[in-house]
């Protein structure tokens, strides 16, 4: 348990300190930050993904979900067509910025201790989730990524494997991706009628392709009475020309407290 968890009154001070350190790093860290938005698409589409905007939840949570769409539209516009050149680093928080009412953000769904609560800018984690999933299908390097410590909803309608999502909190909980290659990449993101739509594009075709899957999925009831879910995220790299496997790697092990009823014996 961290000091701010033991003493909640310390949390605002800790947040200010984290934000100050992050701003200093943005300015003084010597990192080449991606900041240019191209007017045209790069020629090669490497990955495309769409995620459903609205899930069937309770009445109050549905209101927050509809508000989330407003927030996603604003945040996606900041990301759309961003170019990540060789040697450059993408920061979700640096590009999207602080989600304030002055900028048009409204109360959307935020997760606090695994419970959906209202919060200005709530819901933009869905955009970070989509970007992270596409990045996993590329040679881009994930420098920083934080996951939710709870599994808040059952898998009904889930498209992506559990455990590949991101937690975002301006500006100290971030998704940061670095381009260590000689290829230029481009992010596309927009809100469609029913889905959040994304593409990862490049200036050339890659010699390899990527697939990502979850393994070792399990639920277990622990000694403290809580149910925890765990899995492993694996990525396989294949040669586009021969179809042969080039590499298989463990990306991440996940473990989180489950916040919905689950029959461990049948899971």
C-alpha atoms as a PDB file:
ATOM      1  CA  UNK A   1       0.000   0.000   0.000  1.00  0.00           C
ATOM      2  CA  UNK A   2       1.353   3.420  -0.978  1.00  0.00           C
ATOM      3  CA  UNK A   3       1.563   6.364   1.472  1.00  0.00           C
ATOM      4  CA  UNK A   4      -1.309   8.147  -0.334  1.00  0.00           C
ATOM      5  CA  UNK A   5      -3.478   5.017   0.039  1.00  0.00           C
ATOM      6  CA  UNK A   6      -2.731   4.837   3.784  1.00  0.00           C
ATOM      7  CA  UNK A   7      -3.288   8.594   4.159  1.00  0.00           C
ATOM      8  CA  UNK A   8      -5.848   9.803   1.566  1.00  0.00           C
ATOM      9  CA  UNK A   9      -5.212  13.448   2.439  1.00  0.00           C
ATOM     10  CA  UNK A  10      -1.757  13.035   0.839  1.00  0.00           C
ATOM     11  CA  UNK A  11      -3.204  12.130  -2.563  1.00  0.00           C
ATOM     12  CA  UNK A  12      -3.650  15.706  -3.928  1.00  0.00           C
ATOM     13  CA  UNK A  13      -0.063  16.499  -2.974  1.00  0.00           C
ATOM     14  CA  UNK A  14       1.183  13.304  -4.618  1.00  0.00           C
ATOM     15  CA  UNK A  15      -0.764  14.076  -7.796  1.00  0.00           C
ATOM     16  CA  UNK A  16       0.727  17.575  -8.019  1.00  0.00           C
ATOM     17  CA  UNK A  17       4.217  16.165  -7.532  1.00  0.00           C
ATOM     18  CA  UNK A  18       3.698  13.520 -10.229  1.00  0.00           C
ATOM     19  CA  UNK A  19       2.376  16.125 -12.650  1.00  0.00           C
ATOM     20  CA  UNK A  20       5.285  18.478 -12.007  1.00  0.00           C
ATOM     21  CA  UNK A  21       7.800  15.703 -12.669  1.00  0.00           C
ATOM     22  CA  UNK A  22       6.027  14.750 -15.885  1.00  0.00           C
ATOM     23  CA  UNK A  23       5.959  18.334 -17.188  1.00  0.00           C
ATOM     24  CA  UNK A  24       9.662  18.684 -16.423  1.00  0.00           C
ATOM     25  CA  UNK A  25      10.349  15.470 -18.330  1.00  0.00           C
ATOM     26  CA  UNK A  26       8.367  16.700 -21.329  1.00  0.00           C
ATOM     27  CA  UNK A  27      10.432  19.880 -21.488  1.00  0.00           C
ATOM     28  CA  UNK A  28      13.855  18.870 -20.168  1.00  0.00           C
ATOM     29  CA  UNK A  29      14.035  15.116 -20.763  1.00  0.00           C
ATOM     30  CA  UNK A  30      15.641  15.338 -24.200  1.00  0.00           C
ATOM     31  CA  UNK A  31      12.962  13.156 -25.811  1.00  0.00           C
ATOM     32  CA  UNK A  32      11.876  13.843 -29.399  1.00  0.00           C
ATOM     33  CA  UNK A  33       8.106  13.950 -28.913  1.00  0.00           C
ATOM     34  CA  UNK A  34       5.766  13.213 -31.816  1.00  0.00           C
ATOM     35  CA  UNK A  35       3.684  16.341 -32.460  1.00  0.00           C
ATOM     36  CA  UNK A  36       3.080  16.632 -36.223  1.00  0.00           C
ATOM     37  CA  UNK A  37      -0.258  15.789 -37.817  1.00  0.00           C
ATOM     38  CA  UNK A  38      -0.097  14.960 -41.527  1.00  0.00           C
ATOM     39  CA  UNK A  39      -2.806  16.171 -43.891  1.00  0.00           C
ATOM     40  CA  UNK A  40      -2.809  12.893 -45.847  1.00  0.00           C
ATOM     41  CA  UNK A  41      -2.735   9.221 -44.923  1.00  0.00           C
ATOM     42  CA  UNK A  42       0.510   7.292 -45.131  1.00  0.00           C
ATOM     43  CA  UNK A  43       0.200   4.695 -47.915  1.00  0.00           C
ATOM     44  CA  UNK A  44       0.202   1.378 -45.971  1.00  0.00           C
ATOM     45  CA  UNK A  45      -2.454   0.321 -43.468  1.00  0.00           C
ATOM     46  CA  UNK A  46      -0.826  -2.051 -40.997  1.00  0.00           C
ATOM     47  CA  UNK A  47      -3.695  -2.519 -38.571  1.00  0.00           C
ATOM     48  CA  UNK A  48      -7.334  -1.532 -38.277  1.00  0.00           C
ATOM     49  CA  UNK A  49      -9.570  -1.915 -35.253  1.00  0.00           C
ATOM     50  CA  UNK A  50     -12.990  -0.797 -34.061  1.00  0.00           C
ATOM     51  CA  UNK A  51     -14.475  -0.951 -30.571  1.00  0.00           C
ATOM     52  CA  UNK A  52     -18.129  -0.659 -29.631  1.00  0.00           C
ATOM     53  CA  UNK A  53     -18.975   2.715 -28.112  1.00  0.00           C
ATOM     54  CA  UNK A  54     -21.916   1.678 -25.916  1.00  0.00           C
ATOM     55  CA  UNK A  55     -22.304  -1.430 -23.765  1.00  0.00           C
ATOM     56  CA  UNK A  56     -25.558  -2.516 -22.141  1.00  0.00           C
ATOM     57  CA  UNK A  57     -25.226  -1.348 -18.539  1.00  0.00           C
ATOM     58  CA  UNK A  58     -27.570   0.161 -15.933  1.00  0.00           C
ATOM     59  CA  UNK A  59     -29.480   3.398 -16.552  1.00  0.00           C
ATOM     60  CA  UNK A  60     -27.115   5.784 -14.759  1.00  0.00           C
ATOM     61  CA  UNK A  61     -24.072   4.122 -16.305  1.00  0.00           C
ATOM     62  CA  UNK A  62     -25.646   4.401 -19.788  1.00  0.00           C
ATOM     63  CA  UNK A  63     -25.828   8.183 -19.367  1.00  0.00           C
ATOM     64  CA  UNK A  64     -22.119   8.220 -18.565  1.00  0.00           C
ATOM     65  CA  UNK A  65     -21.455   6.049 -21.611  1.00  0.00           C
ATOM     66  CA  UNK A  66     -23.268   8.466 -23.923  1.00  0.00           C
ATOM     67  CA  UNK A  67     -21.242  11.290 -22.413  1.00  0.00           C
ATOM     68  CA  UNK A  68     -18.125   9.203 -22.993  1.00  0.00           C
ATOM     69  CA  UNK A  69     -18.759   9.383 -26.730  1.00  0.00           C
ATOM     70  CA  UNK A  70     -18.513  13.190 -26.572  1.00  0.00           C
ATOM     71  CA  UNK A  71     -15.183  12.898 -24.779  1.00  0.00           C
ATOM     72  CA  UNK A  72     -13.858  10.302 -27.213  1.00  0.00           C
ATOM     73  CA  UNK A  73     -14.729  12.519 -30.162  1.00  0.00           C
ATOM     74  CA  UNK A  74     -12.676  15.377 -28.700  1.00  0.00           C
ATOM     75  CA  UNK A  75      -9.710  13.191 -27.727  1.00  0.00           C
ATOM     76  CA  UNK A  76      -9.671  11.305 -31.048  1.00  0.00           C
ATOM     77  CA  UNK A  77      -9.451  14.579 -32.965  1.00  0.00           C
ATOM     78  CA  UNK A  78      -6.210  15.360 -31.096  1.00  0.00           C
ATOM     79  CA  UNK A  79      -4.688  11.993 -32.030  1.00  0.00           C
ATOM     80  CA  UNK A  80      -5.977  11.598 -35.587  1.00  0.00           C
ATOM     81  CA  UNK A  81      -3.271  11.679 -38.305  1.00  0.00           C
ATOM     82  CA  UNK A  82      -0.441  12.059 -35.780  1.00  0.00           C
ATOM     83  CA  UNK A  83       2.897  10.990 -37.272  1.00  0.00           C
ATOM     84  CA  UNK A  84       5.477   9.091 -35.198  1.00  0.00           C
ATOM     85  CA  UNK A  85       8.743   9.387 -37.082  1.00  0.00           C
ATOM     86  CA  UNK A  86      11.940   7.401 -36.529  1.00  0.00           C
ATOM     87  CA  UNK A  87      13.378   8.219 -33.106  1.00  0.00           C
ATOM     88  CA  UNK A  88      10.189   9.953 -31.951  1.00  0.00           C
ATOM     89  CA  UNK A  89       8.031   9.113 -28.926  1.00  0.00           C
ATOM     90  CA  UNK A  90       4.256   9.335 -28.618  1.00  0.00           C
ATOM     91  CA  UNK A  91       2.684  10.325 -25.293  1.00  0.00           C
ATOM     92  CA  UNK A  92      -1.094   9.970 -25.066  1.00  0.00           C
ATOM     93  CA  UNK A  93      -1.345  12.596 -22.333  1.00  0.00           C
ATOM     94  CA  UNK A  94       0.933  15.055 -24.107  1.00  0.00           C
ATOM     95  CA  UNK A  95      -1.090  14.877 -27.311  1.00  0.00           C
ATOM     96  CA  UNK A  96      -4.603  14.737 -25.843  1.00  0.00           C
ATOM     97  CA  UNK A  97      -3.876  17.164 -23.012  1.00  0.00           C
ATOM     98  CA  UNK A  98      -5.917  17.791 -19.892  1.00  0.00           C
ATOM     99  CA  UNK A  99      -9.610  16.984 -20.317  1.00  0.00           C
ATOM    100  CA  UNK A 100     -11.378  20.029 -18.876  1.00  0.00           C
ATOM    101  CA  UNK A 101     -14.883  21.424 -19.131  1.00  0.00           C
ATOM    102  CA  UNK A 102     -13.434  24.513 -20.798  1.00  0.00           C
ATOM    103  CA  UNK A 103     -12.327  22.287 -23.692  1.00  0.00           C
ATOM    104  CA  UNK A 104     -15.793  20.741 -23.988  1.00  0.00           C
ATOM    105  CA  UNK A 105     -15.285  17.534 -21.994  1.00  0.00           C
ATOM    106  CA  UNK A 106     -18.170  16.365 -19.833  1.00  0.00           C
ATOM    107  CA  UNK A 107     -18.793  13.781 -17.108  1.00  0.00           C
ATOM    108  CA  UNK A 108     -18.141  10.333 -18.510  1.00  0.00           C
ATOM    109  CA  UNK A 109     -17.508   6.936 -16.994  1.00  0.00           C
ATOM    110  CA  UNK A 110     -14.390   6.693 -14.863  1.00  0.00           C
ATOM    111  CA  UNK A 111     -13.316   3.645 -12.902  1.00  0.00           C
ATOM    112  CA  UNK A 112     -12.528   4.192  -9.234  1.00  0.00           C
ATOM    113  CA  UNK A 113     -11.686   1.044  -7.263  1.00  0.00           C
ATOM    114  CA  UNK A 114     -13.431  -0.943  -9.963  1.00  0.00           C
ATOM    115  CA  UNK A 115     -16.671   1.062  -9.752  1.00  0.00           C
ATOM    116  CA  UNK A 116     -18.005   3.320 -12.507  1.00  0.00           C
ATOM    117  CA  UNK A 117     -18.230   6.928 -11.274  1.00  0.00           C
ATOM    118  CA  UNK A 118     -18.754  10.276 -13.050  1.00  0.00           C
ATOM    119  CA  UNK A 119     -15.659  12.249 -13.977  1.00  0.00           C
ATOM    120  CA  UNK A 120     -14.829  15.005 -16.452  1.00  0.00           C
ATOM    121  CA  UNK A 121     -13.251  13.415 -19.512  1.00  0.00           C
ATOM    122  CA  UNK A 122     -14.255   9.935 -18.378  1.00  0.00           C
ATOM    123  CA  UNK A 123     -14.081   7.224 -21.014  1.00  0.00           C
ATOM    124  CA  UNK A 124     -11.016   8.316 -22.965  1.00  0.00           C
ATOM    125  CA  UNK A 125      -9.236   5.165 -21.762  1.00  0.00           C
ATOM    126  CA  UNK A 126     -11.121   3.421 -24.575  1.00  0.00           C
ATOM    127  CA  UNK A 127      -9.059   5.417 -27.059  1.00  0.00           C
ATOM    128  CA  UNK A 128      -5.824   4.483 -25.281  1.00  0.00           C
ATOM    129  CA  UNK A 129      -6.955   0.830 -25.314  1.00  0.00           C
ATOM    130  CA  UNK A 130      -7.491   0.936 -29.068  1.00  0.00           C
ATOM    131  CA  UNK A 131      -4.128   2.615 -29.718  1.00  0.00           C
ATOM    132  CA  UNK A 132      -2.281   0.152 -27.503  1.00  0.00           C
ATOM    133  CA  UNK A 133      -3.870  -2.816 -29.285  1.00  0.00           C
ATOM    134  CA  UNK A 134      -2.786  -1.496 -32.687  1.00  0.00           C
ATOM    135  CA  UNK A 135       0.730  -0.717 -31.437  1.00  0.00           C
ATOM    136  CA  UNK A 136       1.073  -4.325 -30.263  1.00  0.00           C
ATOM    137  CA  UNK A 137       0.712  -5.288 -33.938  1.00  0.00           C
ATOM    138  CA  UNK A 138       3.797  -3.285 -34.889  1.00  0.00           C
ATOM    139  CA  UNK A 139       7.505  -2.966 -34.044  1.00  0.00           C
ATOM    140  CA  UNK A 140       6.811   0.185 -32.001  1.00  0.00           C
ATOM    141  CA  UNK A 141       8.113  -0.050 -28.428  1.00  0.00           C
ATOM    142  CA  UNK A 142       5.683   0.397 -25.527  1.00  0.00           C
ATOM    143  CA  UNK A 143       7.691   2.439 -23.025  1.00  0.00           C
ATOM    144  CA  UNK A 144       4.933   3.039 -20.496  1.00  0.00           C
ATOM    145  CA  UNK A 145       1.502   1.578 -19.975  1.00  0.00           C
ATOM    146  CA  UNK A 146      -0.622   1.095 -16.836  1.00  0.00           C
ATOM    147  CA  UNK A 147      -3.558  -1.282 -16.571  1.00  0.00           C
ATOM    148  CA  UNK A 148      -6.659  -1.137 -14.424  1.00  0.00           C
ATOM    149  CA  UNK A 149      -6.218  -2.955 -11.119  1.00  0.00           C
ATOM    150  CA  UNK A 150      -9.794  -4.291 -11.345  1.00  0.00           C
ATOM    151  CA  UNK A 151     -11.786  -6.270 -13.881  1.00  0.00           C
ATOM    152  CA  UNK A 152     -15.040  -4.290 -13.680  1.00  0.00           C
ATOM    153  CA  UNK A 153     -17.289  -5.888 -16.325  1.00  0.00           C
ATOM    154  CA  UNK A 154     -17.938  -9.418 -17.644  1.00  0.00           C
ATOM    155  CA  UNK A 155     -16.753 -10.386 -21.126  1.00  0.00           C
ATOM    156  CA  UNK A 156     -20.117 -10.044 -22.886  1.00  0.00           C
ATOM    157  CA  UNK A 157     -19.391  -8.406 -26.247  1.00  0.00           C
ATOM    158  CA  UNK A 158     -15.639  -8.233 -25.606  1.00  0.00           C
ATOM    159  CA  UNK A 159     -13.580  -8.143 -28.800  1.00  0.00           C
ATOM    160  CA  UNK A 160     -10.049  -7.643 -27.457  1.00  0.00           C
ATOM    161  CA  UNK A 161      -8.469 -10.047 -24.970  1.00  0.00           C
ATOM    162  CA  UNK A 162      -8.835  -9.054 -21.350  1.00  0.00           C
ATOM    163  CA  UNK A 163      -5.618  -7.491 -20.096  1.00  0.00           C
ATOM    164  CA  UNK A 164      -4.568  -5.341 -23.069  1.00  0.00           C
ATOM    165  CA  UNK A 165      -6.351  -2.178 -21.906  1.00  0.00           C
ATOM    166  CA  UNK A 166      -4.790   0.983 -20.499  1.00  0.00           C
ATOM    167  CA  UNK A 167      -5.407   3.230 -17.539  1.00  0.00           C
ATOM    168  CA  UNK A 168      -5.017   6.971 -18.193  1.00  0.00           C
ATOM    169  CA  UNK A 169      -4.856   9.837 -15.695  1.00  0.00           C
ATOM    170  CA  UNK A 170      -3.539  13.203 -16.778  1.00  0.00           C
ATOM    171  CA  UNK A 171      -0.676  13.539 -16.852  1.00  0.00           C
ATOM    172  CA  UNK A 172       1.146  10.983 -14.770  1.00  0.00           C
ATOM    173  CA  UNK A 173      -0.552   7.714 -15.811  1.00  0.00           C
ATOM    174  CA  UNK A 174       0.207   7.541 -19.507  1.00  0.00           C
ATOM    175  CA  UNK A 175       0.537   5.440 -22.634  1.00  0.00           C
ATOM    176  CA  UNK A 176       3.984   6.144 -24.097  1.00  0.00           C
ATOM    177  CA  UNK A 177       5.251   4.546 -27.326  1.00  0.00           C
ATOM    178  CA  UNK A 178       8.661   4.981 -28.979  1.00  0.00           C
ATOM    179  CA  UNK A 179       9.630   4.440 -32.609  1.00  0.00           C
ATOM    180  CA  UNK A 180      13.006   2.665 -32.634  1.00  0.00           C
ATOM    181  CA  UNK A 181      12.754   1.801 -36.334  1.00  0.00           C
ATOM    182  CA  UNK A 182      13.494   3.548 -39.641  1.00  0.00           C
ATOM    183  CA  UNK A 183       9.789   3.408 -40.576  1.00  0.00           C
ATOM    184  CA  UNK A 184       7.405   6.335 -40.157  1.00  0.00           C
ATOM    185  CA  UNK A 185       4.055   5.485 -38.564  1.00  0.00           C
ATOM    186  CA  UNK A 186       0.744   7.326 -38.395  1.00  0.00           C
ATOM    187  CA  UNK A 187      -2.242   7.042 -36.063  1.00  0.00           C
ATOM    188  CA  UNK A 188      -5.826   7.432 -37.271  1.00  0.00           C
ATOM    189  CA  UNK A 189      -8.728   7.675 -34.825  1.00  0.00           C
ATOM    190  CA  UNK A 190     -12.322   8.821 -35.093  1.00  0.00           C
ATOM    191  CA  UNK A 191     -15.754   8.208 -33.625  1.00  0.00           C
ATOM    192  CA  UNK A 192     -18.143   6.464 -35.985  1.00  0.00           C
ATOM    193  CA  UNK A 193     -21.865   5.835 -35.649  1.00  0.00           C
ATOM    194  CA  UNK A 194     -21.505   2.832 -33.323  1.00  0.00           C
ATOM    195  CA  UNK A 195     -17.769   2.270 -32.973  1.00  0.00           C
ATOM    196  CA  UNK A 196     -14.523   3.994 -32.129  1.00  0.00           C
ATOM    197  CA  UNK A 197     -12.426   3.470 -35.258  1.00  0.00           C
ATOM    198  CA  UNK A 198      -8.657   3.333 -35.488  1.00  0.00           C
ATOM    199  CA  UNK A 199      -5.885   2.604 -37.949  1.00  0.00           C
ATOM    200  CA  UNK A 200      -2.123   2.283 -37.698  1.00  0.00           C
ATOM    201  CA  UNK A 201      -0.488   3.277 -40.981  1.00  0.00           C
ATOM    202  CA  UNK A 202       3.100   3.406 -42.226  1.00  0.00           C
ATOM    203  CA  UNK A 203       5.190   4.766 -45.082  1.00  0.00           C
ATOM    204  CA  UNK A 204       6.152   1.218 -46.158  1.00  0.00           C
ATOM    205  CA  UNK A 205       5.022  -2.360 -45.789  1.00  0.00           C
ATOM    206  CA  UNK A 206       6.694  -4.286 -42.977  1.00  0.00           C
ATOM    207  CA  UNK A 207       8.430  -7.613 -43.696  1.00  0.00           C
ATOM    208  CA  UNK A 208       6.647  -9.223 -40.735  1.00  0.00           C
ATOM    209  CA  UNK A 209       3.114  -9.424 -39.346  1.00  0.00           C
ATOM    210  CA  UNK A 210       1.965  -9.702 -35.731  1.00  0.00           C
ATOM    211  CA  UNK A 211      -0.781 -11.593 -33.917  1.00  0.00           C
ATOM    212  CA  UNK A 212      -1.692 -11.150 -30.252  1.00  0.00           C
ATOM    213  CA  UNK A 213      -3.593 -13.598 -28.039  1.00  0.00           C
ATOM    214  CA  UNK A 214      -4.407 -14.320 -24.406  1.00  0.00           C
ATOM    215  CA  UNK A 215      -3.280 -17.563 -22.795  1.00  0.00           C
ATOM    216  CA  UNK A 216      -3.604 -19.176 -19.362  1.00  0.00           C
ATOM    217  CA  UNK A 217      -6.949 -17.497 -18.639  1.00  0.00           C
ATOM    218  CA  UNK A 218      -8.246 -18.317 -15.165  1.00  0.00           C
ATOM    219  CA  UNK A 219     -10.340 -17.099 -12.248  1.00  0.00           C
ATOM    220  CA  UNK A 220      -9.463 -18.070  -8.682  1.00  0.00           C
ATOM    221  CA  UNK A 221     -10.922 -17.342  -5.274  1.00  0.00           C
ATOM    222  CA  UNK A 222      -8.129 -16.243  -2.957  1.00  0.00           C
ATOM    223  CA  UNK A 223      -7.661 -16.539   0.788  1.00  0.00           C
ATOM    224  CA  UNK A 224      -9.010 -13.005   1.310  1.00  0.00           C
ATOM    225  CA  UNK A 225     -12.326 -14.073  -0.261  1.00  0.00           C
ATOM    226  CA  UNK A 226     -11.854 -12.014  -3.419  1.00  0.00           C
ATOM    227  CA  UNK A 227     -11.962 -13.480  -6.909  1.00  0.00           C
ATOM    228  CA  UNK A 228      -8.976 -12.639  -9.070  1.00  0.00           C
ATOM    229  CA  UNK A 229      -8.541 -13.027 -12.784  1.00  0.00           C
ATOM    230  CA  UNK A 230      -5.223 -13.651 -14.480  1.00  0.00           C
ATOM    231  CA  UNK A 231      -3.857 -14.336 -17.931  1.00  0.00           C
ATOM    232  CA  UNK A 232      -0.838 -13.924 -20.161  1.00  0.00           C
ATOM    233  CA  UNK A 233      -0.656 -11.833 -23.338  1.00  0.00           C
ATOM    234  CA  UNK A 234       1.526 -13.365 -26.053  1.00  0.00           C
ATOM    235  CA  UNK A 235       2.616 -11.951 -29.414  1.00  0.00           C
ATOM    236  CA  UNK A 236       3.684 -13.998 -32.433  1.00  0.00           C
ATOM    237  CA  UNK A 237       5.733 -12.480 -35.265  1.00  0.00           C
ATOM    238  CA  UNK A 238       5.548 -14.115 -38.690  1.00  0.00           C
ATOM    239  CA  UNK A 239       7.396 -13.530 -41.934  1.00  0.00           C
ATOM    240  CA  UNK A 240       4.977 -12.062 -44.484  1.00  0.00           C
ATOM    241  CA  UNK A 241       6.736 -13.773 -47.386  1.00  0.00           C
ATOM    242  CA  UNK A 242       7.095 -17.310 -46.035  1.00  0.00           C
ATOM    243  CA  UNK A 243       4.462 -17.380 -43.288  1.00  0.00           C
ATOM    244  CA  UNK A 244       7.042 -18.820 -40.907  1.00  0.00           C
ATOM    245  CA  UNK A 245       7.138 -17.869 -37.245  1.00  0.00           C
ATOM    246  CA  UNK A 246       9.985 -15.461 -36.510  1.00  0.00           C
ATOM    247  CA  UNK A 247       9.402 -14.980 -32.788  1.00  0.00           C
ATOM    248  CA  UNK A 248       6.950 -15.659 -29.975  1.00  0.00           C
ATOM    249  CA  UNK A 249       7.121 -13.445 -26.897  1.00  0.00           C
ATOM    250  CA  UNK A 250       5.332 -12.963 -23.611  1.00  0.00           C
ATOM    251  CA  UNK A 251       4.115  -9.362 -23.587  1.00  0.00           C
ATOM    252  CA  UNK A 252       2.584  -9.196 -20.140  1.00  0.00           C
ATOM    253  CA  UNK A 253       1.148 -11.143 -17.213  1.00  0.00           C
ATOM    254  CA  UNK A 254      -2.093  -9.697 -15.820  1.00  0.00           C
ATOM    255  CA  UNK A 255      -3.828 -10.168 -12.486  1.00  0.00           C
ATOM    256  CA  UNK A 256      -6.767  -8.142 -11.161  1.00  0.00           C
ATOM    257  CA  UNK A 257      -9.649  -8.272  -8.701  1.00  0.00           C
ATOM    258  CA  UNK A 258     -12.980  -9.197 -10.322  1.00  0.00           C
ATOM    259  CA  UNK A 259     -15.840  -6.802  -9.496  1.00  0.00           C
ATOM    260  CA  UNK A 260     -18.751  -8.819 -10.926  1.00  0.00           C
ATOM    261  CA  UNK A 261     -20.280 -12.166  -9.877  1.00  0.00           C
ATOM    262  CA  UNK A 262     -18.463 -15.160 -11.336  1.00  0.00           C
ATOM    263  CA  UNK A 263     -18.735 -18.900 -10.684  1.00  0.00           C
ATOM    264  CA  UNK A 264     -15.085 -19.815 -10.194  1.00  0.00           C
ATOM    265  CA  UNK A 265     -15.836 -23.530 -10.523  1.00  0.00           C
ATOM    266  CA  UNK A 266     -17.276 -23.035 -14.028  1.00  0.00           C
ATOM    267  CA  UNK A 267     -14.941 -20.283 -15.248  1.00  0.00           C
END
